[in-house]
């Protein structure tokens, strides 16, 4: 078990969840056109997905090493 990998994995998971929660509260307050908002949502989902998958991978690797 590698504590460093577990710590970085948990941090990445927390950041990914934080991005999703923050975006959910921020999007209704934005005053942008519909097409720009959908593009922003896709970009946010991609960033959060990368963070979540990276965090999950680090946690799994940290548990089995």
N, C-alpha and C. Protein backbone atom coordinates (compact mmCIF):
# COMPACT_ATOMS: atom_id res chain seq x y z
N UNK A 1 0.85 -1.17 0.00
CA UNK A 1 0.00 0.00 0.00
C UNK A 1 0.90 1.24 0.00
N UNK A 2 0.63 2.13 -0.92
CA UNK A 2 1.41 3.34 -1.05
C UNK A 2 0.57 4.53 -0.60
N UNK A 3 0.96 5.12 0.51
CA UNK A 3 0.19 6.22 1.09
C UNK A 3 0.19 7.45 0.20
N UNK A 4 1.29 7.69 -0.51
CA UNK A 4 1.37 8.87 -1.37
C UNK A 4 0.39 8.76 -2.53
N UNK A 5 0.33 7.60 -3.15
CA UNK A 5 -0.60 7.41 -4.26
C UNK A 5 -2.05 7.52 -3.80
N UNK A 6 -2.33 6.95 -2.62
CA UNK A 6 -3.67 7.06 -2.07
C UNK A 6 -4.04 8.52 -1.79
N UNK A 7 -3.10 9.27 -1.25
CA UNK A 7 -3.37 10.67 -0.93
C UNK A 7 -3.62 11.48 -2.20
N UNK A 8 -2.77 11.30 -3.20
CA UNK A 8 -2.96 12.03 -4.45
C UNK A 8 -4.25 11.61 -5.15
N UNK A 9 -4.59 10.33 -5.04
CA UNK A 9 -5.83 9.85 -5.63
C UNK A 9 -7.06 10.45 -4.97
N UNK A 10 -7.04 10.52 -3.66
CA UNK A 10 -8.16 11.11 -2.93
C UNK A 10 -8.26 12.60 -3.24
N UNK A 11 -7.13 13.28 -3.35
CA UNK A 11 -7.13 14.71 -3.69
C UNK A 11 -7.71 14.91 -5.09
N UNK A 12 -7.31 14.08 -6.04
CA UNK A 12 -7.84 14.20 -7.40
C UNK A 12 -9.33 13.91 -7.44
N UNK A 13 -9.79 12.93 -6.69
CA UNK A 13 -11.23 12.65 -6.62
C UNK A 13 -11.99 13.82 -6.01
N UNK A 14 -11.44 14.40 -4.96
CA UNK A 14 -12.10 15.54 -4.33
C UNK A 14 -12.15 16.74 -5.27
N UNK A 15 -11.08 16.97 -6.02
CA UNK A 15 -11.07 18.06 -6.99
C UNK A 15 -12.10 17.84 -8.09
N UNK A 16 -12.20 16.62 -8.57
CA UNK A 16 -13.18 16.31 -9.61
C UNK A 16 -14.60 16.53 -9.14
N UNK A 17 -14.89 16.08 -7.93
CA UNK A 17 -16.24 16.28 -7.37
C UNK A 17 -16.47 17.77 -7.12
N UNK A 18 -15.44 18.46 -6.65
CA UNK A 18 -15.57 19.89 -6.41
C UNK A 18 -15.83 20.68 -7.68
N UNK A 19 -15.21 20.29 -8.77
CA UNK A 19 -15.45 20.95 -10.05
C UNK A 19 -16.90 20.76 -10.48
N UNK A 20 -17.40 19.55 -10.33
CA UNK A 20 -18.79 19.28 -10.71
C UNK A 20 -19.78 20.04 -9.84
N UNK A 21 -19.56 20.06 -8.56
CA UNK A 21 -20.47 20.77 -7.65
C UNK A 21 -20.39 22.27 -7.88
N UNK A 22 -19.18 22.79 -8.03
CA UNK A 22 -19.01 24.22 -8.27
C UNK A 22 -19.65 24.66 -9.58
N UNK A 23 -19.50 23.85 -10.60
CA UNK A 23 -20.10 24.19 -11.90
C UNK A 23 -21.62 24.16 -11.82
N UNK A 24 -22.15 23.23 -11.06
CA UNK A 24 -23.60 23.14 -10.93
C UNK A 24 -24.19 24.40 -10.29
N UNK A 25 -23.45 24.99 -9.35
CA UNK A 25 -23.92 26.21 -8.71
C UNK A 25 -23.61 27.45 -9.53
N UNK A 26 -22.59 27.40 -10.37
CA UNK A 26 -22.17 28.56 -11.13
C UNK A 26 -22.94 28.73 -12.44
N UNK A 27 -23.27 27.65 -13.11
CA UNK A 27 -23.89 27.73 -14.44
C UNK A 27 -25.20 28.53 -14.47
N UNK A 28 -26.11 28.36 -13.51
CA UNK A 28 -27.35 29.15 -13.59
C UNK A 28 -27.13 30.66 -13.47
N UNK A 29 -26.03 31.07 -12.86
CA UNK A 29 -25.76 32.49 -12.67
C UNK A 29 -25.08 33.14 -13.87
N UNK A 30 -24.59 32.33 -14.79
CA UNK A 30 -23.91 32.89 -15.96
C UNK A 30 -24.92 33.44 -16.95
N UNK A 31 -24.54 34.52 -17.58
CA UNK A 31 -25.40 35.16 -18.57
C UNK A 31 -24.76 35.02 -19.94
N UNK A 32 -24.74 33.79 -20.45
CA UNK A 32 -24.09 33.52 -21.73
C UNK A 32 -25.09 32.83 -22.66
N UNK A 33 -24.83 32.87 -23.95
CA UNK A 33 -25.74 32.20 -24.90
C UNK A 33 -25.80 30.69 -24.66
N UNK A 34 -26.86 30.10 -25.17
CA UNK A 34 -27.12 28.66 -24.97
C UNK A 34 -26.01 27.78 -25.53
N UNK A 35 -25.51 28.10 -26.72
CA UNK A 35 -24.47 27.26 -27.33
C UNK A 35 -23.15 27.38 -26.57
N UNK A 36 -22.85 28.56 -26.06
CA UNK A 36 -21.63 28.72 -25.26
C UNK A 36 -21.74 27.97 -23.94
N UNK A 37 -22.94 27.96 -23.36
CA UNK A 37 -23.13 27.25 -22.11
C UNK A 37 -22.99 25.74 -22.30
N UNK A 38 -23.50 25.23 -23.40
CA UNK A 38 -23.37 23.79 -23.63
C UNK A 38 -21.91 23.41 -23.88
N UNK A 39 -21.17 24.26 -24.57
CA UNK A 39 -19.74 24.00 -24.78
C UNK A 39 -18.99 24.03 -23.45
N UNK A 40 -19.35 24.97 -22.60
CA UNK A 40 -18.72 25.07 -21.29
C UNK A 40 -19.04 23.85 -20.43
N UNK A 41 -20.25 23.34 -20.54
CA UNK A 41 -20.62 22.15 -19.78
C UNK A 41 -19.84 20.93 -20.25
N UNK A 42 -19.64 20.81 -21.55
CA UNK A 42 -18.86 19.68 -22.08
C UNK A 42 -17.41 19.77 -21.61
N UNK A 43 -16.84 20.97 -21.66
CA UNK A 43 -15.46 21.16 -21.22
C UNK A 43 -15.33 20.83 -19.73
N UNK A 44 -16.26 21.28 -18.94
CA UNK A 44 -16.23 21.00 -17.50
C UNK A 44 -16.37 19.50 -17.24
N UNK A 45 -17.24 18.85 -17.97
CA UNK A 45 -17.42 17.40 -17.80
C UNK A 45 -16.15 16.64 -18.17
N UNK A 46 -15.46 17.10 -19.21
CA UNK A 46 -14.21 16.44 -19.60
C UNK A 46 -13.13 16.63 -18.54
N UNK A 47 -13.01 17.84 -18.00
CA UNK A 47 -12.01 18.09 -16.96
C UNK A 47 -12.33 17.28 -15.72
N UNK A 48 -13.58 17.27 -15.31
CA UNK A 48 -13.97 16.50 -14.12
C UNK A 48 -13.77 15.01 -14.36
N UNK A 49 -14.08 14.54 -15.56
CA UNK A 49 -13.88 13.13 -15.87
C UNK A 49 -12.43 12.71 -15.79
N UNK A 50 -11.55 13.54 -16.30
CA UNK A 50 -10.12 13.24 -16.22
C UNK A 50 -9.67 13.20 -14.77
N UNK A 51 -10.11 14.17 -13.97
CA UNK A 51 -9.74 14.18 -12.55
C UNK A 51 -10.28 12.96 -11.82
N UNK A 52 -11.53 12.60 -12.08
CA UNK A 52 -12.12 11.46 -11.39
C UNK A 52 -11.46 10.15 -11.79
N UNK A 53 -11.22 9.97 -13.08
CA UNK A 53 -10.58 8.73 -13.53
C UNK A 53 -9.14 8.63 -13.05
N UNK A 54 -8.43 9.75 -13.06
CA UNK A 54 -7.06 9.76 -12.55
C UNK A 54 -7.04 9.43 -11.06
N UNK A 55 -7.95 10.06 -10.32
CA UNK A 55 -8.01 9.79 -8.88
C UNK A 55 -8.35 8.34 -8.58
N UNK A 56 -9.30 7.80 -9.32
CA UNK A 56 -9.67 6.40 -9.11
C UNK A 56 -8.50 5.47 -9.45
N UNK A 57 -7.82 5.76 -10.53
CA UNK A 57 -6.66 4.96 -10.90
C UNK A 57 -5.56 5.02 -9.86
N UNK A 58 -5.29 6.22 -9.35
CA UNK A 58 -4.25 6.35 -8.32
C UNK A 58 -4.63 5.61 -7.04
N UNK A 59 -5.88 5.69 -6.66
CA UNK A 59 -6.32 4.97 -5.46
C UNK A 59 -6.18 3.47 -5.66
N UNK A 60 -6.59 2.97 -6.81
CA UNK A 60 -6.46 1.52 -7.05
C UNK A 60 -5.01 1.08 -7.10
N UNK A 61 -4.17 1.85 -7.76
CA UNK A 61 -2.75 1.49 -7.80
C UNK A 61 -2.14 1.58 -6.41
N UNK A 62 -2.55 2.62 -5.65
CA UNK A 62 -2.03 2.76 -4.29
C UNK A 62 -2.43 1.62 -3.37
N UNK A 63 -3.61 1.07 -3.58
CA UNK A 63 -4.06 -0.03 -2.74
C UNK A 63 -3.33 -1.33 -3.05
N UNK A 64 -2.99 -1.54 -4.31
CA UNK A 64 -2.42 -2.83 -4.70
C UNK A 64 -0.90 -2.82 -4.85
N UNK A 65 -0.25 -1.73 -4.45
CA UNK A 65 1.22 -1.73 -4.51
C UNK A 65 1.80 -1.68 -3.13
